[in-house]
PDB file of N, CA and C in Angstrom:
ATOM      1  N   UNK A   1     -41.531  -5.286 -22.908  1.00  0.00           N
ATOM      2  CA  UNK A   1     -41.278  -6.164 -23.992  1.00  0.00           C
ATOM      3  C   UNK A   1     -40.864  -5.326 -25.089  1.00  0.00           C
ATOM      4  N   UNK A   2     -39.686  -5.702 -25.761  1.00  0.00           N
ATOM      5  CA  UNK A   2     -39.174  -5.024 -26.924  1.00  0.00           C
ATOM      6  C   UNK A   2     -39.145  -6.064 -28.000  1.00  0.00           C
ATOM      7  N   UNK A   3     -39.906  -5.472 -29.117  1.00  0.00           N
ATOM      8  CA  UNK A   3     -40.333  -6.338 -30.355  1.00  0.00           C
ATOM      9  C   UNK A   3     -39.608  -5.477 -31.307  1.00  0.00           C
ATOM     10  N   UNK A   4     -39.124  -6.389 -32.408  1.00  0.00           N
ATOM     11  CA  UNK A   4     -38.297  -5.892 -33.588  1.00  0.00           C
ATOM     12  C   UNK A   4     -39.516  -5.243 -34.401  1.00  0.00           C
ATOM     13  N   UNK A   5     -39.247  -3.854 -34.790  1.00  0.00           N
ATOM     14  CA  UNK A   5     -40.188  -3.087 -35.455  1.00  0.00           C
ATOM     15  C   UNK A   5     -40.520  -3.690 -36.979  1.00  0.00           C
ATOM     16  N   UNK A   6     -41.873  -3.999 -37.175  1.00  0.00           N
ATOM     17  CA  UNK A   6     -42.110  -4.644 -38.498  1.00  0.00           C
ATOM     18  C   UNK A   6     -41.315  -4.133 -39.687  1.00  0.00           C
ATOM     19  N   UNK A   7     -41.640  -2.692 -39.918  1.00  0.00           N
ATOM     20  CA  UNK A   7     -41.273  -1.958 -40.948  1.00  0.00           C
ATOM     21  C   UNK A   7     -39.551  -2.114 -41.113  1.00  0.00           C
ATOM     22  N   UNK A   8     -38.819  -2.174 -39.997  1.00  0.00           N
ATOM     23  CA  UNK A   8     -37.437  -2.293 -39.891  1.00  0.00           C
ATOM     24  C   UNK A   8     -37.005  -3.602 -40.098  1.00  0.00           C
ATOM     25  N   UNK A   9     -37.702  -4.579 -39.847  1.00  0.00           N
ATOM     26  CA  UNK A   9     -37.470  -5.992 -40.208  1.00  0.00           C
ATOM     27  C   UNK A   9     -37.822  -6.059 -41.692  1.00  0.00           C
ATOM     28  N   UNK A  10     -38.752  -5.591 -42.239  1.00  0.00           N
ATOM     29  CA  UNK A  10     -38.874  -5.756 -43.611  1.00  0.00           C
ATOM     30  C   UNK A  10     -37.835  -5.093 -44.447  1.00  0.00           C
ATOM     31  N   UNK A  11     -37.343  -3.958 -44.053  1.00  0.00           N
ATOM     32  CA  UNK A  11     -36.353  -3.245 -44.713  1.00  0.00           C
ATOM     33  C   UNK A  11     -34.717  -3.817 -44.390  1.00  0.00           C
ATOM     34  N   UNK A  12     -34.831  -4.630 -43.433  1.00  0.00           N
ATOM     35  CA  UNK A  12     -33.692  -5.307 -43.054  1.00  0.00           C
ATOM     36  C   UNK A  12     -32.714  -4.486 -42.416  1.00  0.00           C
ATOM     37  N   UNK A  13     -33.315  -3.494 -41.592  1.00  0.00           N
ATOM     38  CA  UNK A  13     -32.438  -2.557 -40.829  1.00  0.00           C
ATOM     39  C   UNK A  13     -32.013  -3.204 -39.615  1.00  0.00           C
ATOM     40  N   UNK A  14     -30.716  -3.241 -39.186  1.00  0.00           N
ATOM     41  CA  UNK A  14     -30.184  -3.656 -37.962  1.00  0.00           C
ATOM     42  C   UNK A  14     -29.317  -2.361 -37.281  1.00  0.00           C
ATOM     43  N   UNK A  15     -29.075  -2.595 -35.980  1.00  0.00           N
ATOM     44  CA  UNK A  15     -28.207  -1.626 -35.660  1.00  0.00           C
ATOM     45  C   UNK A  15     -28.394  -1.495 -34.017  1.00  0.00           C
ATOM     46  N   UNK A  16     -27.900  -0.422 -33.514  1.00  0.00           N
ATOM     47  CA  UNK A  16     -27.812  -0.144 -32.072  1.00  0.00           C
ATOM     48  C   UNK A  16     -28.472   1.256 -31.631  1.00  0.00           C
ATOM     49  N   UNK A  17     -29.365   1.169 -30.772  1.00  0.00           N
ATOM     50  CA  UNK A  17     -29.733   2.478 -30.419  1.00  0.00           C
ATOM     51  C   UNK A  17     -29.201   2.689 -29.040  1.00  0.00           C
ATOM     52  N   UNK A  18     -28.593   4.009 -28.914  1.00  0.00           N
ATOM     53  CA  UNK A  18     -27.670   4.228 -27.524  1.00  0.00           C
ATOM     54  C   UNK A  18     -28.554   5.515 -26.978  1.00  0.00           C
ATOM     55  N   UNK A  19     -28.674   5.403 -25.687  1.00  0.00           N
ATOM     56  CA  UNK A  19     -29.079   6.291 -24.878  1.00  0.00           C
ATOM     57  C   UNK A  19     -28.178   6.721 -23.595  1.00  0.00           C
ATOM     58  N   UNK A  20     -28.010   7.960 -23.046  1.00  0.00           N
ATOM     59  CA  UNK A  20     -27.812   8.499 -22.078  1.00  0.00           C
ATOM     60  C   UNK A  20     -28.629   8.576 -21.111  1.00  0.00           C
ATOM     61  N   UNK A  21     -28.479   7.764 -19.814  1.00  0.00           N
ATOM     62  CA  UNK A  21     -29.772   7.727 -19.194  1.00  0.00           C
ATOM     63  C   UNK A  21     -29.323   8.244 -17.522  1.00  0.00           C
ATOM     64  N   UNK A  22     -30.165   8.716 -16.735  1.00  0.00           N
ATOM     65  CA  UNK A  22     -30.046   8.806 -15.262  1.00  0.00           C
ATOM     66  C   UNK A  22     -31.071   7.923 -14.548  1.00  0.00           C
ATOM     67  N   UNK A  23     -30.404   6.918 -13.879  1.00  0.00           N
ATOM     68  CA  UNK A  23     -31.113   6.193 -13.154  1.00  0.00           C
ATOM     69  C   UNK A  23     -31.294   6.502 -11.729  1.00  0.00           C
ATOM     70  N   UNK A  24     -32.529   6.591 -11.284  1.00  0.00           N
ATOM     71  CA  UNK A  24     -32.807   7.351 -10.011  1.00  0.00           C
ATOM     72  C   UNK A  24     -32.482   6.183  -8.771  1.00  0.00           C
ATOM     73  N   UNK A  25     -32.717   6.859  -7.769  1.00  0.00           N
ATOM     74  CA  UNK A  25     -32.381   6.056  -6.423  1.00  0.00           C
ATOM     75  C   UNK A  25     -33.252   4.730  -6.249  1.00  0.00           C
ATOM     76  N   UNK A  26     -34.531   4.920  -6.899  1.00  0.00           N
ATOM     77  CA  UNK A  26     -35.594   3.855  -6.909  1.00  0.00           C
ATOM     78  C   UNK A  26     -35.306   2.807  -8.058  1.00  0.00           C
ATOM     79  N   UNK A  27     -34.295   3.176  -8.865  1.00  0.00           N
ATOM     80  CA  UNK A  27     -34.052   2.154 -10.050  1.00  0.00           C
ATOM     81  C   UNK A  27     -34.899   2.390 -11.206  1.00  0.00           C
ATOM     82  N   UNK A  28     -35.602   3.545 -11.237  1.00  0.00           N
ATOM     83  CA  UNK A  28     -36.223   4.053 -12.420  1.00  0.00           C
ATOM     84  C   UNK A  28     -35.552   4.818 -13.258  1.00  0.00           C
ATOM     85  N   UNK A  29     -35.971   4.948 -14.429  1.00  0.00           N
ATOM     86  CA  UNK A  29     -35.225   5.654 -15.608  1.00  0.00           C
ATOM     87  C   UNK A  29     -35.863   7.416 -15.131  1.00  0.00           C
ATOM     88  N   UNK A  30     -35.018   8.363 -14.811  1.00  0.00           N
ATOM     89  CA  UNK A  30     -35.338   9.611 -14.452  1.00  0.00           C
ATOM     90  C   UNK A  30     -35.281  10.608 -15.476  1.00  0.00           C
ATOM     91  N   UNK A  31     -34.208  10.452 -16.422  1.00  0.00           N
ATOM     92  CA  UNK A  31     -33.788  10.975 -17.540  1.00  0.00           C
ATOM     93  C   UNK A  31     -33.209  10.405 -18.711  1.00  0.00           C
ATOM     94  N   UNK A  32     -33.457  10.560 -19.972  1.00  0.00           N
ATOM     95  CA  UNK A  32     -32.977   9.789 -20.938  1.00  0.00           C
ATOM     96  C   UNK A  32     -32.776  10.652 -22.169  1.00  0.00           C
ATOM     97  N   UNK A  33     -31.635  10.621 -22.797  1.00  0.00           N
ATOM     98  CA  UNK A  33     -31.248  11.252 -23.897  1.00  0.00           C
ATOM     99  C   UNK A  33     -30.781  10.387 -24.979  1.00  0.00           C
ATOM    100  N   UNK A  34     -31.484  10.445 -26.388  1.00  0.00           N
ATOM    101  CA  UNK A  34     -31.061   9.652 -27.321  1.00  0.00           C
ATOM    102  C   UNK A  34     -29.657  10.153 -27.840  1.00  0.00           C
ATOM    103  N   UNK A  35     -28.591   9.197 -28.043  1.00  0.00           N
ATOM    104  CA  UNK A  35     -27.419   9.374 -28.509  1.00  0.00           C
ATOM    105  C   UNK A  35     -27.402   9.223 -30.168  1.00  0.00           C
ATOM    106  N   UNK A  36     -27.835   8.046 -30.379  1.00  0.00           N
ATOM    107  CA  UNK A  36     -27.770   7.533 -31.767  1.00  0.00           C
ATOM    108  C   UNK A  36     -28.802   6.422 -32.055  1.00  0.00           C
ATOM    109  N   UNK A  37     -29.136   6.145 -33.227  1.00  0.00           N
ATOM    110  CA  UNK A  37     -29.951   4.915 -33.668  1.00  0.00           C
ATOM    111  C   UNK A  37     -30.814   5.473 -34.807  1.00  0.00           C
ATOM    112  N   UNK A  38     -30.995   4.427 -35.633  1.00  0.00           N
ATOM    113  CA  UNK A  38     -32.090   4.470 -36.839  1.00  0.00           C
ATOM    114  C   UNK A  38     -33.493   4.815 -36.337  1.00  0.00           C
ATOM    115  N   UNK A  39     -34.004   5.666 -36.829  1.00  0.00           N
ATOM    116  CA  UNK A  39     -35.316   6.124 -36.417  1.00  0.00           C
ATOM    117  C   UNK A  39     -36.528   5.096 -36.279  1.00  0.00           C
ATOM    118  N   UNK A  40     -36.394   4.179 -37.084  1.00  0.00           N
ATOM    119  CA  UNK A  40     -37.302   3.032 -36.994  1.00  0.00           C
ATOM    120  C   UNK A  40     -37.120   2.095 -35.705  1.00  0.00           C
ATOM    121  N   UNK A  41     -35.695   1.925 -35.305  1.00  0.00           N
ATOM    122  CA  UNK A  41     -35.314   1.397 -34.164  1.00  0.00           C
ATOM    123  C   UNK A  41     -35.703   2.029 -32.904  1.00  0.00           C
ATOM    124  N   UNK A  42     -35.410   3.236 -33.013  1.00  0.00           N
ATOM    125  CA  UNK A  42     -35.772   4.284 -31.966  1.00  0.00           C
ATOM    126  C   UNK A  42     -37.179   4.162 -31.331  1.00  0.00           C
ATOM    127  N   UNK A  43     -37.997   4.082 -32.460  1.00  0.00           N
ATOM    128  CA  UNK A  43     -39.544   4.194 -32.029  1.00  0.00           C
ATOM    129  C   UNK A  43     -39.753   2.982 -31.127  1.00  0.00           C
ATOM    130  N   UNK A  44     -39.117   1.800 -31.266  1.00  0.00           N
ATOM    131  CA  UNK A  44     -39.383   0.517 -30.680  1.00  0.00           C
ATOM    132  C   UNK A  44     -38.715   0.456 -29.220  1.00  0.00           C
ATOM    133  N   UNK A  45     -37.268   0.972 -29.328  1.00  0.00           N
ATOM    134  CA  UNK A  45     -36.515   0.954 -27.959  1.00  0.00           C
ATOM    135  C   UNK A  45     -37.046   1.961 -27.109  1.00  0.00           C
ATOM    136  N   UNK A  46     -37.424   3.251 -27.418  1.00  0.00           N
ATOM    137  CA  UNK A  46     -37.646   4.117 -26.352  1.00  0.00           C
ATOM    138  C   UNK A  46     -38.561   3.931 -25.422  1.00  0.00           C
ATOM    139  N   UNK A  47     -39.834   3.568 -25.811  1.00  0.00           N
ATOM    140  CA  UNK A  47     -40.849   3.230 -24.667  1.00  0.00           C
ATOM    141  C   UNK A  47     -40.399   1.852 -23.951  1.00  0.00           C
ATOM    142  N   UNK A  48     -39.639   1.080 -24.553  1.00  0.00           N
ATOM    143  CA  UNK A  48     -39.421  -0.113 -23.886  1.00  0.00           C
ATOM    144  C   UNK A  48     -38.246   0.061 -22.584  1.00  0.00           C
ATOM    145  N   UNK A  49     -37.258   0.987 -23.108  1.00  0.00           N
ATOM    146  CA  UNK A  49     -36.349   1.386 -22.042  1.00  0.00           C
ATOM    147  C   UNK A  49     -36.893   2.185 -21.003  1.00  0.00           C
ATOM    148  N   UNK A  50     -37.945   3.082 -21.171  1.00  0.00           N
ATOM    149  CA  UNK A  50     -38.574   3.895 -20.158  1.00  0.00           C
ATOM    150  C   UNK A  50     -39.342   3.049 -19.077  1.00  0.00           C
ATOM    151  N   UNK A  51     -39.589   1.680 -19.550  1.00  0.00           N
ATOM    152  CA  UNK A  51     -40.317   0.900 -18.697  1.00  0.00           C
ATOM    153  C   UNK A  51     -39.409   0.089 -17.697  1.00  0.00           C
ATOM    154  N   UNK A  52     -38.219  -0.104 -18.179  1.00  0.00           N
ATOM    155  CA  UNK A  52     -37.179  -0.953 -17.560  1.00  0.00           C
ATOM    156  C   UNK A  52     -36.910  -0.299 -16.098  1.00  0.00           C
ATOM    157  N   UNK A  53     -36.773  -1.320 -15.284  1.00  0.00           N
ATOM    158  CA  UNK A  53     -36.323  -1.073 -13.816  1.00  0.00           C
ATOM    159  C   UNK A  53     -35.011  -1.761 -13.384  1.00  0.00           C
ATOM    160  N   UNK A  54     -34.171  -0.982 -12.689  1.00  0.00           N
ATOM    161  CA  UNK A  54     -32.896  -1.405 -12.333  1.00  0.00           C
ATOM    162  C   UNK A  54     -32.695  -1.522 -10.959  1.00  0.00           C
ATOM    163  N   UNK A  55     -31.827  -2.470 -10.554  1.00  0.00           N
ATOM    164  CA  UNK A  55     -31.490  -2.570  -9.032  1.00  0.00           C
ATOM    165  C   UNK A  55     -30.943  -1.413  -8.400  1.00  0.00           C
ATOM    166  N   UNK A  56     -31.258  -1.046  -7.424  1.00  0.00           N
ATOM    167  CA  UNK A  56     -30.805   0.211  -6.692  1.00  0.00           C
ATOM    168  C   UNK A  56     -29.451   0.015  -6.572  1.00  0.00           C
ATOM    169  N   UNK A  57     -28.691   1.185  -6.985  1.00  0.00           N
ATOM    170  CA  UNK A  57     -27.320   1.201  -6.731  1.00  0.00           C
ATOM    171  C   UNK A  57     -26.971   1.924  -5.411  1.00  0.00           C
ATOM    172  N   UNK A  58     -26.119   1.107  -4.506  1.00  0.00           N
ATOM    173  CA  UNK A  58     -25.817   1.605  -3.200  1.00  0.00           C
ATOM    174  C   UNK A  58     -24.234   2.303  -3.057  1.00  0.00           C
ATOM    175  N   UNK A  59     -24.079   3.248  -2.257  1.00  0.00           N
ATOM    176  CA  UNK A  59     -22.778   3.833  -2.142  1.00  0.00           C
ATOM    177  C   UNK A  59     -22.712   4.009  -0.578  1.00  0.00           C
ATOM    178  N   UNK A  60     -21.925   3.371   0.090  1.00  0.00           N
ATOM    179  CA  UNK A  60     -21.880   3.282   1.570  1.00  0.00           C
ATOM    180  C   UNK A  60     -23.279   3.015   2.234  1.00  0.00           C
ATOM    181  N   UNK A  61     -24.027   2.131   1.480  1.00  0.00           N
ATOM    182  CA  UNK A  61     -25.252   1.527   2.066  1.00  0.00           C
ATOM    183  C   UNK A  61     -26.341   2.530   1.684  1.00  0.00           C
ATOM    184  N   UNK A  62     -26.346   3.741   1.075  1.00  0.00           N
ATOM    185  CA  UNK A  62     -27.225   4.726   0.683  1.00  0.00           C
ATOM    186  C   UNK A  62     -27.458   4.356  -0.914  1.00  0.00           C
ATOM    187  N   UNK A  63     -28.802   4.692  -1.101  1.00  0.00           N
ATOM    188  CA  UNK A  63     -28.971   4.510  -2.535  1.00  0.00           C
ATOM    189  C   UNK A  63     -28.695   5.891  -3.380  1.00  0.00           C
ATOM    190  N   UNK A  64     -28.046   5.766  -4.470  1.00  0.00           N
ATOM    191  CA  UNK A  64     -27.580   6.844  -5.307  1.00  0.00           C
ATOM    192  C   UNK A  64     -28.212   6.712  -6.702  1.00  0.00           C
ATOM    193  N   UNK A  65     -28.194   7.975  -7.371  1.00  0.00           N
ATOM    194  CA  UNK A  65     -28.447   8.132  -8.800  1.00  0.00           C
ATOM    195  C   UNK A  65     -27.151   7.721  -9.364  1.00  0.00           C
ATOM    196  N   UNK A  66     -27.397   7.232 -10.758  1.00  0.00           N
ATOM    197  CA  UNK A  66     -26.363   6.756 -11.633  1.00  0.00           C
ATOM    198  C   UNK A  66     -26.697   7.178 -12.925  1.00  0.00           C
ATOM    199  N   UNK A  67     -25.399   7.944 -13.558  1.00  0.00           N
ATOM    200  CA  UNK A  67     -25.431   8.153 -14.938  1.00  0.00           C
ATOM    201  C   UNK A  67     -24.848   7.088 -15.638  1.00  0.00           C
ATOM    202  N   UNK A  68     -25.307   6.680 -16.761  1.00  0.00           N
ATOM    203  CA  UNK A  68     -24.894   5.253 -17.676  1.00  0.00           C
ATOM    204  C   UNK A  68     -25.143   5.492 -19.015  1.00  0.00           C
ATOM    205  N   UNK A  69     -24.846   4.634 -19.740  1.00  0.00           N
ATOM    206  CA  UNK A  69     -25.256   4.476 -21.311  1.00  0.00           C
ATOM    207  C   UNK A  69     -25.947   3.089 -21.351  1.00  0.00           C
ATOM    208  N   UNK A  70     -26.869   3.199 -22.098  1.00  0.00           N
ATOM    209  CA  UNK A  70     -27.835   1.980 -22.397  1.00  0.00           C
ATOM    210  C   UNK A  70     -27.643   1.846 -23.974  1.00  0.00           C
ATOM    211  N   UNK A  71     -27.399   0.565 -24.336  1.00  0.00           N
ATOM    212  CA  UNK A  71     -27.420   0.136 -25.723  1.00  0.00           C
ATOM    213  C   UNK A  71     -28.382  -0.932 -25.918  1.00  0.00           C
ATOM    214  N   UNK A  72     -29.312  -0.629 -27.037  1.00  0.00           N
ATOM    215  CA  UNK A  72     -30.330  -1.556 -27.329  1.00  0.00           C
ATOM    216  C   UNK A  72     -30.006  -2.037 -28.659  1.00  0.00           C
ATOM    217  N   UNK A  73     -29.602  -3.425 -28.759  1.00  0.00           N
ATOM    218  CA  UNK A  73     -29.078  -3.992 -30.150  1.00  0.00           C
ATOM    219  C   UNK A  73     -30.263  -4.619 -30.612  1.00  0.00           C
ATOM    220  N   UNK A  74     -30.428  -4.382 -32.104  1.00  0.00           N
ATOM    221  CA  UNK A  74     -31.303  -4.919 -32.996  1.00  0.00           C
ATOM    222  C   UNK A  74     -30.606  -5.685 -34.087  1.00  0.00           C
ATOM    223  N   UNK A  75     -30.798  -7.163 -33.924  1.00  0.00           N
ATOM    224  CA  UNK A  75     -30.215  -8.014 -34.990  1.00  0.00           C
ATOM    225  C   UNK A  75     -31.092  -8.917 -35.533  1.00  0.00           C
ATOM    226  N   UNK A  76     -30.961  -8.803 -36.782  1.00  0.00           N
ATOM    227  CA  UNK A  76     -31.915 -10.040 -37.555  1.00  0.00           C
ATOM    228  C   UNK A  76     -31.233 -11.398 -37.648  1.00  0.00           C
ATOM    229  N   UNK A  77     -32.096 -12.503 -37.434  1.00  0.00           N
ATOM    230  CA  UNK A  77     -31.724 -13.670 -37.556  1.00  0.00           C
ATOM    231  C   UNK A  77     -31.222 -13.990 -39.039  1.00  0.00           C
ATOM    232  N   UNK A  78     -30.194 -14.763 -39.174  1.00  0.00           N
ATOM    233  CA  UNK A  78     -29.593 -15.106 -40.367  1.00  0.00           C
ATOM    234  C   UNK A  78     -30.579 -16.220 -40.978  1.00  0.00           C
TER     235      UNK A  78
END
């Protein structure tokens, strides 16, 4: 579960946290590198993204690793 960090909410910080990730054959995050994002938002996004599981990607019927970009958007309600 991803929740908006209280301090970031109080400071009205919004933005995107971007990661380069390697998703393994089993759909779990194998490697994750932070590309950009406000430190207060990164604190909340990193543990959440590490828990996410993806559907296995198949190539010719065989599971393969996938390199992709994950964006986590934090937007305050108006």
